[in-house]
PDB file of N, CA and C in Angstrom:
ATOM      1  N   UNK A   1       0.823  -1.274  -0.093  1.00  0.00           N
ATOM      2  CA  UNK A   1       0.061   0.261   0.077  1.00  0.00           C
ATOM      3  C   UNK A   1       0.996   1.132   0.233  1.00  0.00           C
ATOM      4  N   UNK A   2       0.557   2.130  -0.807  1.00  0.00           N
ATOM      5  CA  UNK A   2       1.233   3.260  -0.992  1.00  0.00           C
ATOM      6  C   UNK A   2       0.824   4.431  -0.106  1.00  0.00           C
ATOM      7  N   UNK A   3       1.645   4.953   0.869  1.00  0.00           N
ATOM      8  CA  UNK A   3       1.567   6.172   1.703  1.00  0.00           C
ATOM      9  C   UNK A   3       1.583   6.965   1.386  1.00  0.00           C
ATOM     10  N   UNK A   4       1.653   8.350   1.837  1.00  0.00           N
ATOM     11  CA  UNK A   4       1.911   9.732   1.489  1.00  0.00           C
ATOM     12  C   UNK A   4       3.427   9.865   1.867  1.00  0.00           C
ATOM     13  N   UNK A   5       4.424  10.664   0.981  1.00  0.00           N
ATOM     14  CA  UNK A   5       5.608  11.014   1.765  1.00  0.00           C
ATOM     15  C   UNK A   5       5.993  11.429   2.585  1.00  0.00           C
ATOM     16  N   UNK A   6       6.986  11.327   3.582  1.00  0.00           N
ATOM     17  CA  UNK A   6       6.822  12.226   5.126  1.00  0.00           C
ATOM     18  C   UNK A   6       7.494  13.456   4.966  1.00  0.00           C
ATOM     19  N   UNK A   7       8.174  13.259   3.391  1.00  0.00           N
ATOM     20  CA  UNK A   7       8.489  14.941   2.987  1.00  0.00           C
ATOM     21  C   UNK A   7       7.380  16.480   3.273  1.00  0.00           C
ATOM     22  N   UNK A   8       6.206  15.112   3.229  1.00  0.00           N
ATOM     23  CA  UNK A   8       5.303  16.548   3.227  1.00  0.00           C
ATOM     24  C   UNK A   8       4.646  16.559   4.463  1.00  0.00           C
ATOM     25  N   UNK A   9       4.393  18.406   4.480  1.00  0.00           N
ATOM     26  CA  UNK A   9       3.894  18.884   5.716  1.00  0.00           C
ATOM     27  C   UNK A   9       2.446  18.850   6.535  1.00  0.00           C
ATOM     28  N   UNK A  10       2.162  18.775   7.530  1.00  0.00           N
ATOM     29  CA  UNK A  10       1.299  18.407   7.976  1.00  0.00           C
ATOM     30  C   UNK A  10      -0.242  18.310   7.251  1.00  0.00           C
ATOM     31  N   UNK A  11      -0.918  19.235   7.297  1.00  0.00           N
ATOM     32  CA  UNK A  11      -2.088  19.041   6.578  1.00  0.00           C
ATOM     33  C   UNK A  11      -1.987  18.435   4.938  1.00  0.00           C
ATOM     34  N   UNK A  12      -1.098  18.726   4.133  1.00  0.00           N
ATOM     35  CA  UNK A  12      -0.698  18.128   3.042  1.00  0.00           C
ATOM     36  C   UNK A  12      -0.641  16.822   3.085  1.00  0.00           C
ATOM     37  N   UNK A  13       0.219  16.223   4.003  1.00  0.00           N
ATOM     38  CA  UNK A  13       0.362  15.204   4.369  1.00  0.00           C
ATOM     39  C   UNK A  13      -1.305  14.231   4.352  1.00  0.00           C
ATOM     40  N   UNK A  14      -1.906  14.808   5.462  1.00  0.00           N
ATOM     41  CA  UNK A  14      -3.220  14.233   5.766  1.00  0.00           C
ATOM     42  C   UNK A  14      -4.230  14.496   4.532  1.00  0.00           C
ATOM     43  N   UNK A  15      -4.201  15.290   3.782  1.00  0.00           N
ATOM     44  CA  UNK A  15      -5.265  15.507   2.691  1.00  0.00           C
ATOM     45  C   UNK A  15      -4.898  14.130   1.665  1.00  0.00           C
ATOM     46  N   UNK A  16      -3.420  14.106   1.425  1.00  0.00           N
ATOM     47  CA  UNK A  16      -3.064  12.903   0.447  1.00  0.00           C
ATOM     48  C   UNK A  16      -3.523  11.350   1.413  1.00  0.00           C
ATOM     49  N   UNK A  17      -3.653  11.122   2.785  1.00  0.00           N
ATOM     50  CA  UNK A  17      -3.806  10.351   3.631  1.00  0.00           C
ATOM     51  C   UNK A  17      -5.138  10.203   3.063  1.00  0.00           C
ATOM     52  N   UNK A  18      -5.876  11.112   3.009  1.00  0.00           N
ATOM     53  CA  UNK A  18      -7.494  10.994   3.139  1.00  0.00           C
ATOM     54  C   UNK A  18      -7.725  10.427   1.477  1.00  0.00           C
ATOM     55  N   UNK A  19      -7.305  11.043   0.619  1.00  0.00           N
ATOM     56  CA  UNK A  19      -7.346  10.946  -0.852  1.00  0.00           C
ATOM     57  C   UNK A  19      -7.128   9.916  -1.058  1.00  0.00           C
ATOM     58  N   UNK A  20      -5.926   8.603  -0.473  1.00  0.00           N
ATOM     59  CA  UNK A  20      -5.738   7.725  -0.897  1.00  0.00           C
ATOM     60  C   UNK A  20      -6.331   6.630   0.269  1.00  0.00           C
ATOM     61  N   UNK A  21      -7.142   6.912   1.038  1.00  0.00           N
ATOM     62  CA  UNK A  21      -8.079   6.207   1.459  1.00  0.00           C
ATOM     63  C   UNK A  21      -9.045   6.162   0.931  1.00  0.00           C
ATOM     64  N   UNK A  22     -10.025   6.916   0.179  1.00  0.00           N
ATOM     65  CA  UNK A  22     -10.994   7.409  -0.373  1.00  0.00           C
ATOM     66  C   UNK A  22     -10.713   6.358  -1.740  1.00  0.00           C
ATOM     67  N   UNK A  23      -9.626   6.389  -2.223  1.00  0.00           N
ATOM     68  CA  UNK A  23      -9.147   5.824  -3.835  1.00  0.00           C
ATOM     69  C   UNK A  23      -9.516   3.996  -3.261  1.00  0.00           C
ATOM     70  N   UNK A  24      -8.359   3.797  -2.171  1.00  0.00           N
ATOM     71  CA  UNK A  24      -9.102   2.500  -1.835  1.00  0.00           C
ATOM     72  C   UNK A  24     -10.195   1.938  -1.318  1.00  0.00           C
ATOM     73  N   UNK A  25     -10.905   2.628  -0.804  1.00  0.00           N
ATOM     74  CA  UNK A  25     -12.392   2.355  -0.808  1.00  0.00           C
ATOM     75  C   UNK A  25     -13.104   1.940  -2.080  1.00  0.00           C
ATOM     76  N   UNK A  26     -13.061   2.889  -3.085  1.00  0.00           N
ATOM     77  CA  UNK A  26     -13.608   2.748  -4.477  1.00  0.00           C
ATOM     78  C   UNK A  26     -13.254   1.668  -5.140  1.00  0.00           C
ATOM     79  N   UNK A  27     -11.742   1.475  -4.882  1.00  0.00           N
ATOM     80  CA  UNK A  27     -11.243   0.099  -5.662  1.00  0.00           C
ATOM     81  C   UNK A  27     -11.571  -0.686  -4.994  1.00  0.00           C
ATOM     82  N   UNK A  28     -11.716  -1.255  -3.907  1.00  0.00           N
ATOM     83  CA  UNK A  28     -11.977  -2.185  -2.914  1.00  0.00           C
ATOM     84  C   UNK A  28     -13.047  -2.539  -3.312  1.00  0.00           C
ATOM     85  N   UNK A  29     -14.168  -1.955  -4.083  1.00  0.00           N
ATOM     86  CA  UNK A  29     -15.754  -1.987  -3.772  1.00  0.00           C
ATOM     87  C   UNK A  29     -15.861  -2.059  -5.726  1.00  0.00           C
ATOM     88  N   UNK A  30     -14.968  -1.469  -5.996  1.00  0.00           N
ATOM     89  CA  UNK A  30     -15.424  -1.814  -7.642  1.00  0.00           C
ATOM     90  C   UNK A  30     -14.395  -2.849  -8.755  1.00  0.00           C
ATOM     91  N   UNK A  31     -13.538  -3.065  -7.900  1.00  0.00           N
ATOM     92  CA  UNK A  31     -12.203  -3.548  -8.659  1.00  0.00           C
ATOM     93  C   UNK A  31     -11.863  -4.851  -8.471  1.00  0.00           C
ATOM     94  N   UNK A  32     -11.982  -5.156  -6.893  1.00  0.00           N
ATOM     95  CA  UNK A  32     -11.579  -6.203  -6.138  1.00  0.00           C
ATOM     96  C   UNK A  32     -10.353  -6.345  -6.354  1.00  0.00           C
ATOM     97  N   UNK A  33      -9.201  -5.578  -6.297  1.00  0.00           N
ATOM     98  CA  UNK A  33      -7.894  -6.099  -6.201  1.00  0.00           C
ATOM     99  C   UNK A  33      -7.452  -7.421  -5.763  1.00  0.00           C
ATOM    100  N   UNK A  34      -6.788  -8.350  -6.210  1.00  0.00           N
ATOM    101  CA  UNK A  34      -6.055  -9.430  -6.028  1.00  0.00           C
ATOM    102  C   UNK A  34      -4.947  -9.210  -4.420  1.00  0.00           C
ATOM    103  N   UNK A  35      -4.227  -8.225  -4.418  1.00  0.00           N
ATOM    104  CA  UNK A  35      -3.126  -8.218  -3.609  1.00  0.00           C
ATOM    105  C   UNK A  35      -3.918  -7.516  -2.062  1.00  0.00           C
ATOM    106  N   UNK A  36      -4.978  -7.038  -2.320  1.00  0.00           N
ATOM    107  CA  UNK A  36      -5.647  -6.338  -1.113  1.00  0.00           C
ATOM    108  C   UNK A  36      -4.958  -5.028  -1.314  1.00  0.00           C
ATOM    109  N   UNK A  37      -4.368  -4.178  -2.439  1.00  0.00           N
ATOM    110  CA  UNK A  37      -3.715  -3.268  -2.113  1.00  0.00           C
ATOM    111  C   UNK A  37      -4.980  -2.187  -3.190  1.00  0.00           C
ATOM    112  N   UNK A  38      -4.202  -1.367  -4.230  1.00  0.00           N
ATOM    113  CA  UNK A  38      -4.881  -1.170  -5.208  1.00  0.00           C
ATOM    114  C   UNK A  38      -4.793  -1.493  -6.713  1.00  0.00           C
ATOM    115  N   UNK A  39      -5.887  -1.827  -7.347  1.00  0.00           N
ATOM    116  CA  UNK A  39      -5.368  -1.951  -8.361  1.00  0.00           C
ATOM    117  C   UNK A  39      -4.748  -1.579  -9.515  1.00  0.00           C
ATOM    118  N   UNK A  40      -4.264  -1.727 -10.769  1.00  0.00           N
ATOM    119  CA  UNK A  40      -3.046  -0.866 -11.503  1.00  0.00           C
ATOM    120  C   UNK A  40      -3.820   0.698 -12.138  1.00  0.00           C
ATOM    121  N   UNK A  41      -4.877   0.468 -12.156  1.00  0.00           N
ATOM    122  CA  UNK A  41      -5.762   1.703 -12.502  1.00  0.00           C
ATOM    123  C   UNK A  41      -5.791   2.565 -11.331  1.00  0.00           C
ATOM    124  N   UNK A  42      -6.359   2.173 -10.365  1.00  0.00           N
ATOM    125  CA  UNK A  42      -6.523   3.280  -8.847  1.00  0.00           C
ATOM    126  C   UNK A  42      -4.880   3.495  -8.610  1.00  0.00           C
ATOM    127  N   UNK A  43      -4.312   2.423  -8.739  1.00  0.00           N
ATOM    128  CA  UNK A  43      -2.466   2.885  -8.457  1.00  0.00           C
ATOM    129  C   UNK A  43      -1.971   4.080  -9.351  1.00  0.00           C
ATOM    130  N   UNK A  44      -2.458   4.129 -10.603  1.00  0.00           N
ATOM    131  CA  UNK A  44      -2.286   4.995 -11.405  1.00  0.00           C
ATOM    132  C   UNK A  44      -2.857   6.306 -11.088  1.00  0.00           C
ATOM    133  N   UNK A  45      -4.139   6.295 -10.633  1.00  0.00           N
ATOM    134  CA  UNK A  45      -5.073   7.924 -10.290  1.00  0.00           C
ATOM    135  C   UNK A  45      -3.912   8.000  -8.909  1.00  0.00           C
ATOM    136  N   UNK A  46      -3.769   6.914  -8.051  1.00  0.00           N
ATOM    137  CA  UNK A  46      -2.891   7.579  -6.687  1.00  0.00           C
ATOM    138  C   UNK A  46      -1.942   8.126  -7.141  1.00  0.00           C
ATOM    139  N   UNK A  47      -0.983   7.882  -7.803  1.00  0.00           N
ATOM    140  CA  UNK A  47       0.728   8.060  -8.067  1.00  0.00           C
ATOM    141  C   UNK A  47       0.168   9.557  -8.675  1.00  0.00           C
ATOM    142  N   UNK A  48      -0.618   9.649  -9.817  1.00  0.00           N
ATOM    143  CA  UNK A  48      -1.150  11.133 -10.315  1.00  0.00           C
ATOM    144  C   UNK A  48      -1.413  12.232  -8.964  1.00  0.00           C
ATOM    145  N   UNK A  49      -2.263  11.774  -8.375  1.00  0.00           N
ATOM    146  CA  UNK A  49      -2.655  12.512  -7.225  1.00  0.00           C
ATOM    147  C   UNK A  49      -1.708  13.365  -6.542  1.00  0.00           C
ATOM    148  N   UNK A  50      -0.687  11.686  -5.564  1.00  0.00           N
ATOM    149  CA  UNK A  50       0.516  12.783  -4.935  1.00  0.00           C
ATOM    150  C   UNK A  50       1.208  13.676  -5.383  1.00  0.00           C
ATOM    151  N   UNK A  51       1.247  13.549  -7.402  1.00  0.00           N
ATOM    152  CA  UNK A  51       2.539  14.118  -7.384  1.00  0.00           C
ATOM    153  C   UNK A  51       1.884  15.507  -7.886  1.00  0.00           C
ATOM    154  N   UNK A  52       0.393  15.480  -7.848  1.00  0.00           N
ATOM    155  CA  UNK A  52      -0.254  17.280  -8.568  1.00  0.00           C
ATOM    156  C   UNK A  52      -0.093  17.831  -7.460  1.00  0.00           C
ATOM    157  N   UNK A  53      -0.155  16.997  -5.697  1.00  0.00           N
ATOM    158  CA  UNK A  53      -0.298  17.687  -4.709  1.00  0.00           C
ATOM    159  C   UNK A  53       0.877  18.381  -4.291  1.00  0.00           C
ATOM    160  N   UNK A  54       1.833  17.640  -4.655  1.00  0.00           N
ATOM    161  CA  UNK A  54       3.319  17.732  -4.338  1.00  0.00           C
ATOM    162  C   UNK A  54       3.850  19.335  -5.062  1.00  0.00           C
ATOM    163  N   UNK A  55       3.059  19.124  -6.324  1.00  0.00           N
ATOM    164  CA  UNK A  55       3.293  20.409  -7.327  1.00  0.00           C
ATOM    165  C   UNK A  55       2.168  21.824  -7.151  1.00  0.00           C
ATOM    166  N   UNK A  56       1.459  21.686  -5.998  1.00  0.00           N
ATOM    167  CA  UNK A  56       0.480  22.632  -5.905  1.00  0.00           C
ATOM    168  C   UNK A  56       0.710  23.651  -5.696  1.00  0.00           C
ATOM    169  N   UNK A  57       0.786  25.058  -6.649  1.00  0.00           N
ATOM    170  CA  UNK A  57       1.335  26.126  -6.431  1.00  0.00           C
ATOM    171  C   UNK A  57       1.030  26.839  -4.740  1.00  0.00           C
ATOM    172  N   UNK A  58      -0.137  26.707  -4.037  1.00  0.00           N
ATOM    173  CA  UNK A  58      -0.493  26.941  -2.623  1.00  0.00           C
ATOM    174  C   UNK A  58       0.628  26.111  -1.363  1.00  0.00           C
ATOM    175  N   UNK A  59       1.240  25.242  -1.961  1.00  0.00           N
ATOM    176  CA  UNK A  59       2.273  24.588  -0.942  1.00  0.00           C
ATOM    177  C   UNK A  59       1.390  24.328  -0.007  1.00  0.00           C
ATOM    178  N   UNK A  60       1.591  24.396   1.162  1.00  0.00           N
ATOM    179  CA  UNK A  60       1.260  23.573   2.741  1.00  0.00           C
ATOM    180  C   UNK A  60      -0.104  24.072   2.995  1.00  0.00           C
ATOM    181  N   UNK A  61      -0.379  25.244   2.686  1.00  0.00           N
ATOM    182  CA  UNK A  61      -1.370  26.013   2.824  1.00  0.00           C
ATOM    183  C   UNK A  61      -2.656  25.780   1.772  1.00  0.00           C
ATOM    184  N   UNK A  62      -2.526  24.555   0.965  1.00  0.00           N
ATOM    185  CA  UNK A  62      -3.319  24.536  -0.359  1.00  0.00           C
ATOM    186  C   UNK A  62      -4.911  24.436   0.539  1.00  0.00           C
ATOM    187  N   UNK A  63      -6.071  24.986  -0.002  1.00  0.00           N
ATOM    188  CA  UNK A  63      -7.039  24.414   0.092  1.00  0.00           C
ATOM    189  C   UNK A  63      -7.904  23.530  -1.000  1.00  0.00           C
ATOM    190  N   UNK A  64      -8.857  22.737  -0.259  1.00  0.00           N
ATOM    191  CA  UNK A  64      -9.184  21.614  -0.756  1.00  0.00           C
ATOM    192  C   UNK A  64      -8.915  21.734  -2.034  1.00  0.00           C
ATOM    193  N   UNK A  65      -8.933  20.669  -2.828  1.00  0.00           N
ATOM    194  CA  UNK A  65      -8.679  20.640  -4.500  1.00  0.00           C
ATOM    195  C   UNK A  65     -10.402  21.453  -4.896  1.00  0.00           C
ATOM    196  N   UNK A  66     -11.316  20.696  -4.404  1.00  0.00           N
ATOM    197  CA  UNK A  66     -12.989  21.413  -4.834  1.00  0.00           C
ATOM    198  C   UNK A  66     -12.965  22.691  -4.691  1.00  0.00           C
ATOM    199  N   UNK A  67     -12.076  23.339  -3.783  1.00  0.00           N
ATOM    200  CA  UNK A  67     -12.414  25.036  -3.583  1.00  0.00           C
ATOM    201  C   UNK A  67     -11.281  25.783  -4.189  1.00  0.00           C
ATOM    202  N   UNK A  68     -10.275  24.725  -4.949  1.00  0.00           N
ATOM    203  CA  UNK A  68      -9.006  25.531  -5.371  1.00  0.00           C
ATOM    204  C   UNK A  68      -9.292  26.280  -6.646  1.00  0.00           C
ATOM    205  N   UNK A  69      -8.860  27.660  -6.597  1.00  0.00           N
ATOM    206  CA  UNK A  69      -9.219  28.571  -8.211  1.00  0.00           C
ATOM    207  C   UNK A  69      -8.105  27.620  -9.147  1.00  0.00           C
ATOM    208  N   UNK A  70      -6.836  26.958  -9.083  1.00  0.00           N
ATOM    209  CA  UNK A  70      -6.109  26.672  -9.848  1.00  0.00           C
ATOM    210  C   UNK A  70      -6.367  25.054 -10.055  1.00  0.00           C
ATOM    211  N   UNK A  71      -6.210  24.635 -10.998  1.00  0.00           N
ATOM    212  CA  UNK A  71      -7.025  23.308 -11.399  1.00  0.00           C
ATOM    213  C   UNK A  71      -5.978  22.632 -11.885  1.00  0.00           C
ATOM    214  N   UNK A  72      -5.077  21.630 -11.331  1.00  0.00           N
ATOM    215  CA  UNK A  72      -3.715  20.838 -11.290  1.00  0.00           C
ATOM    216  C   UNK A  72      -4.188  19.629 -12.316  1.00  0.00           C
ATOM    217  N   UNK A  73      -5.484  19.247 -11.908  1.00  0.00           N
ATOM    218  CA  UNK A  73      -5.416  17.695 -12.638  1.00  0.00           C
ATOM    219  C   UNK A  73      -6.162  18.274 -14.301  1.00  0.00           C
ATOM    220  N   UNK A  74      -5.785  16.955 -15.185  1.00  0.00           N
ATOM    221  CA  UNK A  74      -6.156  17.275 -16.606  1.00  0.00           C
ATOM    222  C   UNK A  74      -7.519  17.023 -16.178  1.00  0.00           C
ATOM    223  N   UNK A  75      -8.254  17.463 -17.364  1.00  0.00           N
ATOM    224  CA  UNK A  75     -10.010  17.096 -17.295  1.00  0.00           C
ATOM    225  C   UNK A  75     -10.339  15.325 -16.866  1.00  0.00           C
ATOM    226  N   UNK A  76      -9.582  14.351 -17.558  1.00  0.00           N
ATOM    227  CA  UNK A  76     -10.221  13.105 -17.538  1.00  0.00           C
ATOM    228  C   UNK A  76      -9.874  12.513 -16.143  1.00  0.00           C
ATOM    229  N   UNK A  77      -8.550  13.252 -15.381  1.00  0.00           N
ATOM    230  CA  UNK A  77      -8.667  12.877 -14.602  1.00  0.00           C
ATOM    231  C   UNK A  77      -9.202  13.625 -13.096  1.00  0.00           C
ATOM    232  N   UNK A  78      -9.586  14.648 -13.206  1.00  0.00           N
ATOM    233  CA  UNK A  78     -10.046  15.687 -12.510  1.00  0.00           C
ATOM    234  C   UNK A  78     -11.471  14.702 -12.418  1.00  0.00           C
ATOM    235  N   UNK A  79     -12.182  14.075 -13.588  1.00  0.00           N
ATOM    236  CA  UNK A  79     -13.596  13.733 -13.431  1.00  0.00           C
ATOM    237  C   UNK A  79     -13.218  12.287 -12.916  1.00  0.00           C
ATOM    238  N   UNK A  80     -12.149  11.663 -12.591  1.00  0.00           N
ATOM    239  CA  UNK A  80     -11.667  10.001 -12.324  1.00  0.00           C
ATOM    240  C   UNK A  80     -11.987  10.407 -10.732  1.00  0.00           C
ATOM    241  N   UNK A  81     -10.970  11.451 -10.175  1.00  0.00           N
ATOM    242  CA  UNK A  81     -11.438  11.638  -8.883  1.00  0.00           C
ATOM    243  C   UNK A  81     -12.479  12.186  -8.264  1.00  0.00           C
ATOM    244  N   UNK A  82     -13.105  12.449  -8.828  1.00  0.00           N
ATOM    245  CA  UNK A  82     -14.575  13.205  -8.439  1.00  0.00           C
ATOM    246  C   UNK A  82     -15.249  12.389  -8.335  1.00  0.00           C
ATOM    247  N   UNK A  83     -15.354  10.984  -9.113  1.00  0.00           N
ATOM    248  CA  UNK A  83     -16.362   9.820  -9.124  1.00  0.00           C
ATOM    249  C   UNK A  83     -15.768   9.281  -7.974  1.00  0.00           C
ATOM    250  N   UNK A  84     -14.418   8.879  -7.335  1.00  0.00           N
ATOM    251  CA  UNK A  84     -14.291   8.340  -6.464  1.00  0.00           C
ATOM    252  C   UNK A  84     -14.361   8.940  -5.261  1.00  0.00           C
ATOM    253  N   UNK A  85     -14.479  10.282  -5.097  1.00  0.00           N
ATOM    254  CA  UNK A  85     -14.724  11.380  -3.862  1.00  0.00           C
ATOM    255  C   UNK A  85     -16.399  11.014  -3.637  1.00  0.00           C
ATOM    256  N   UNK A  86     -17.119  10.909  -4.826  1.00  0.00           N
ATOM    257  CA  UNK A  86     -18.448  10.932  -4.978  1.00  0.00           C
ATOM    258  C   UNK A  86     -18.987   9.739  -4.195  1.00  0.00           C
ATOM    259  N   UNK A  87     -18.015   8.392  -4.693  1.00  0.00           N
ATOM    260  CA  UNK A  87     -18.163   7.188  -3.792  1.00  0.00           C
ATOM    261  C   UNK A  87     -17.830   7.374  -2.596  1.00  0.00           C
ATOM    262  N   UNK A  88     -17.101   7.446  -2.218  1.00  0.00           N
ATOM    263  CA  UNK A  88     -15.855   7.124  -1.223  1.00  0.00           C
ATOM    264  C   UNK A  88     -16.322   8.346   0.357  1.00  0.00           C
ATOM    265  N   UNK A  89     -16.521   9.260  -0.522  1.00  0.00           N
ATOM    266  CA  UNK A  89     -16.963  10.356   0.163  1.00  0.00           C
ATOM    267  C   UNK A  89     -17.976  10.064   1.824  1.00  0.00           C
ATOM    268  N   UNK A  90     -18.906   9.621   1.108  1.00  0.00           N
ATOM    269  CA  UNK A  90     -19.941   9.032   2.554  1.00  0.00           C
ATOM    270  C   UNK A  90     -19.899   7.836   3.581  1.00  0.00           C
ATOM    271  N   UNK A  91     -18.999   7.017   2.485  1.00  0.00           N
ATOM    272  CA  UNK A  91     -18.770   6.030   3.191  1.00  0.00           C
ATOM    273  C   UNK A  91     -17.283   6.361   4.201  1.00  0.00           C
ATOM    274  N   UNK A  92     -16.329   7.473   3.856  1.00  0.00           N
ATOM    275  CA  UNK A  92     -15.671   7.979   4.709  1.00  0.00           C
ATOM    276  C   UNK A  92     -15.917   8.104   6.260  1.00  0.00           C
ATOM    277  N   UNK A  93     -16.649   8.345   6.389  1.00  0.00           N
ATOM    278  CA  UNK A  93     -17.693   8.716   7.866  1.00  0.00           C
ATOM    279  C   UNK A  93     -17.459   7.811   8.580  1.00  0.00           C
ATOM    280  N   UNK A  94     -17.690   5.900   8.205  1.00  0.00           N
ATOM    281  CA  UNK A  94     -17.951   4.942   8.651  1.00  0.00           C
ATOM    282  C   UNK A  94     -16.749   4.270   8.726  1.00  0.00           C
ATOM    283  N   UNK A  95     -15.538   4.466   8.188  1.00  0.00           N
ATOM    284  CA  UNK A  95     -14.390   3.856   7.601  1.00  0.00           C
ATOM    285  C   UNK A  95     -13.303   4.572   8.526  1.00  0.00           C
ATOM    286  N   UNK A  96     -13.075   6.216   8.285  1.00  0.00           N
ATOM    287  CA  UNK A  96     -12.207   6.968   8.447  1.00  0.00           C
ATOM    288  C   UNK A  96     -12.830   8.261   8.925  1.00  0.00           C
ATOM    289  N   UNK A  97     -13.834   8.159   9.772  1.00  0.00           N
ATOM    290  CA  UNK A  97     -14.528   9.641  10.649  1.00  0.00           C
ATOM    291  C   UNK A  97     -13.352  10.941  10.813  1.00  0.00           C
ATOM    292  N   UNK A  98     -12.187  10.090  11.489  1.00  0.00           N
ATOM    293  CA  UNK A  98     -11.333  11.341  11.845  1.00  0.00           C
ATOM    294  C   UNK A  98     -10.853  12.267  10.421  1.00  0.00           C
ATOM    295  N   UNK A  99     -10.561  11.284   9.787  1.00  0.00           N
ATOM    296  CA  UNK A  99      -9.941  12.257   8.139  1.00  0.00           C
ATOM    297  C   UNK A  99     -11.105  12.957   7.739  1.00  0.00           C
ATOM    298  N   UNK A 100     -12.182  12.315   7.504  1.00  0.00           N
ATOM    299  CA  UNK A 100     -13.446  12.521   6.881  1.00  0.00           C
ATOM    300  C   UNK A 100     -14.195  13.644   7.679  1.00  0.00           C
ATOM    301  N   UNK A 101     -14.365  14.343   9.025  1.00  0.00           N
ATOM    302  CA  UNK A 101     -14.510  15.164   9.503  1.00  0.00           C
ATOM    303  C   UNK A 101     -13.513  16.221   9.254  1.00  0.00           C
ATOM    304  N   UNK A 102     -12.083  15.851   9.510  1.00  0.00           N
ATOM    305  CA  UNK A 102     -11.424  16.997   9.032  1.00  0.00           C
ATOM    306  C   UNK A 102     -11.200  17.458   7.924  1.00  0.00           C
ATOM    307  N   UNK A 103     -11.611  16.296   6.719  1.00  0.00           N
ATOM    308  CA  UNK A 103     -11.720  16.981   5.537  1.00  0.00           C
ATOM    309  C   UNK A 103     -12.549  17.891   5.497  1.00  0.00           C
ATOM    310  N   UNK A 104     -13.472  18.078   5.673  1.00  0.00           N
ATOM    311  CA  UNK A 104     -14.956  18.819   5.546  1.00  0.00           C
ATOM    312  C   UNK A 104     -14.505  20.097   6.286  1.00  0.00           C
ATOM    313  N   UNK A 105     -13.739  20.038   7.111  1.00  0.00           N
ATOM    314  CA  UNK A 105     -13.104  21.313   7.964  1.00  0.00           C
ATOM    315  C   UNK A 105     -12.346  21.934   7.174  1.00  0.00           C
ATOM    316  N   UNK A 106     -11.623  21.305   6.500  1.00  0.00           N
ATOM    317  CA  UNK A 106     -10.328  22.273   5.637  1.00  0.00           C
ATOM    318  C   UNK A 106     -11.069  22.518   4.308  1.00  0.00           C
ATOM    319  N   UNK A 107     -12.303  21.947   4.169  1.00  0.00           N
ATOM    320  CA  UNK A 107     -13.109  22.722   2.963  1.00  0.00           C
ATOM    321  C   UNK A 107     -13.726  24.070   3.237  1.00  0.00           C
ATOM    322  N   UNK A 108     -13.548  24.407   4.370  1.00  0.00           N
ATOM    323  CA  UNK A 108     -14.275  25.572   4.739  1.00  0.00           C
ATOM    324  C   UNK A 108     -12.992  26.768   5.439  1.00  0.00           C
ATOM    325  N   UNK A 109     -11.997  26.357   4.966  1.00  0.00           N
ATOM    326  CA  UNK A 109     -10.660  27.644   5.285  1.00  0.00           C
ATOM    327  C   UNK A 109     -10.706  28.406   4.155  1.00  0.00           C
ATOM    328  N   UNK A 110     -10.606  29.551   4.576  1.00  0.00           N
ATOM    329  CA  UNK A 110     -10.312  30.865   3.514  1.00  0.00           C
ATOM    330  C   UNK A 110      -9.259  30.298   2.842  1.00  0.00           C
ATOM    331  N   UNK A 111      -9.412  30.705   1.292  1.00  0.00           N
ATOM    332  CA  UNK A 111      -8.634  30.654   0.235  1.00  0.00           C
ATOM    333  C   UNK A 111      -7.129  31.035   0.457  1.00  0.00           C
ATOM    334  N   UNK A 112      -5.870  30.630   0.549  1.00  0.00           N
ATOM    335  CA  UNK A 112      -4.943  31.269   0.752  1.00  0.00           C
ATOM    336  C   UNK A 112      -3.938  31.857  -0.763  1.00  0.00           C
ATOM    337  N   UNK A 113      -2.787  32.492  -0.542  1.00  0.00           N
ATOM    338  CA  UNK A 113      -2.706  33.129  -1.987  1.00  0.00           C
ATOM    339  C   UNK A 113      -1.553  32.185  -2.183  1.00  0.00           C
ATOM    340  N   UNK A 114      -0.919  32.114  -3.527  1.00  0.00           N
ATOM    341  CA  UNK A 114      -0.222  30.977  -3.579  1.00  0.00           C
ATOM    342  C   UNK A 114       1.311  31.431  -3.746  1.00  0.00           C
ATOM    343  N   UNK A 115       2.028  30.671  -3.743  1.00  0.00           N
ATOM    344  CA  UNK A 115       3.536  30.873  -3.063  1.00  0.00           C
ATOM    345  C   UNK A 115       4.013  31.363  -4.304  1.00  0.00           C
ATOM    346  N   UNK A 116       5.171  32.449  -3.979  1.00  0.00           N
ATOM    347  CA  UNK A 116       5.550  33.259  -5.224  1.00  0.00           C
ATOM    348  C   UNK A 116       6.584  32.362  -6.056  1.00  0.00           C
ATOM    349  N   UNK A 117       6.540  33.079  -7.077  1.00  0.00           N
ATOM    350  CA  UNK A 117       7.070  32.306  -8.205  1.00  0.00           C
ATOM    351  C   UNK A 117       6.033  31.555  -8.880  1.00  0.00           C
ATOM    352  N   UNK A 118       5.194  31.626  -8.822  1.00  0.00           N
ATOM    353  CA  UNK A 118       4.228  30.996  -9.461  1.00  0.00           C
ATOM    354  C   UNK A 118       2.401  31.713  -9.446  1.00  0.00           C
ATOM    355  N   UNK A 119       1.774  31.515 -10.653  1.00  0.00           N
ATOM    356  CA  UNK A 119       0.783  32.260 -10.848  1.00  0.00           C
ATOM    357  C   UNK A 119      -0.577  31.241 -11.115  1.00  0.00           C
ATOM    358  N   UNK A 120      -1.541  32.249 -10.819  1.00  0.00           N
ATOM    359  CA  UNK A 120      -2.927  31.280 -10.878  1.00  0.00           C
ATOM    360  C   UNK A 120      -3.329  30.972 -12.212  1.00  0.00           C
ATOM    361  N   UNK A 121      -3.037  32.038 -12.615  1.00  0.00           N
ATOM    362  CA  UNK A 121      -3.301  32.063 -14.397  1.00  0.00           C
ATOM    363  C   UNK A 121      -2.514  32.074 -15.297  1.00  0.00           C
ATOM    364  N   UNK A 122      -2.977  31.388 -16.517  1.00  0.00           N
ATOM    365  CA  UNK A 122      -2.025  31.682 -17.526  1.00  0.00           C
ATOM    366  C   UNK A 122      -1.527  33.298 -18.074  1.00  0.00           C
ATOM    367  N   UNK A 123      -0.810  33.490 -18.245  1.00  0.00           N
ATOM    368  CA  UNK A 123       0.011  34.607 -18.876  1.00  0.00           C
ATOM    369  C   UNK A 123      -0.249  34.681 -20.190  1.00  0.00           C
ATOM    370  N   UNK A 124      -0.945  35.729 -21.144  1.00  0.00           N
ATOM    371  CA  UNK A 124      -0.821  36.223 -22.498  1.00  0.00           C
ATOM    372  C   UNK A 124       0.128  35.839 -23.522  1.00  0.00           C
TER     373      UNK A 124
END
């Protein structure tokens, strides 16, 4: 089972842990992986998600992706993670209640400013 990297800061690491748990719930329900981990499709989504979160222009103060003004995910991956969250979100309250509640609270945080050197909009 791939876990978030230890180099991540507190809230970012927790957000990755939450997304990893959601992908795991969805994968076990729909794909029934033989090894007990993730199937290849879900593992690819997890790897992509981890890379995108690591490169977030907001850094450690990033908002939840749903509330973010910058969409780092490609449209097809964004739809894929949205489907995972739609399925796993309600189930998170039973399987990972602390992560679920903290994720909801994180979604209510005010939007931060991006780190220096990165822009939130494309320049012409």
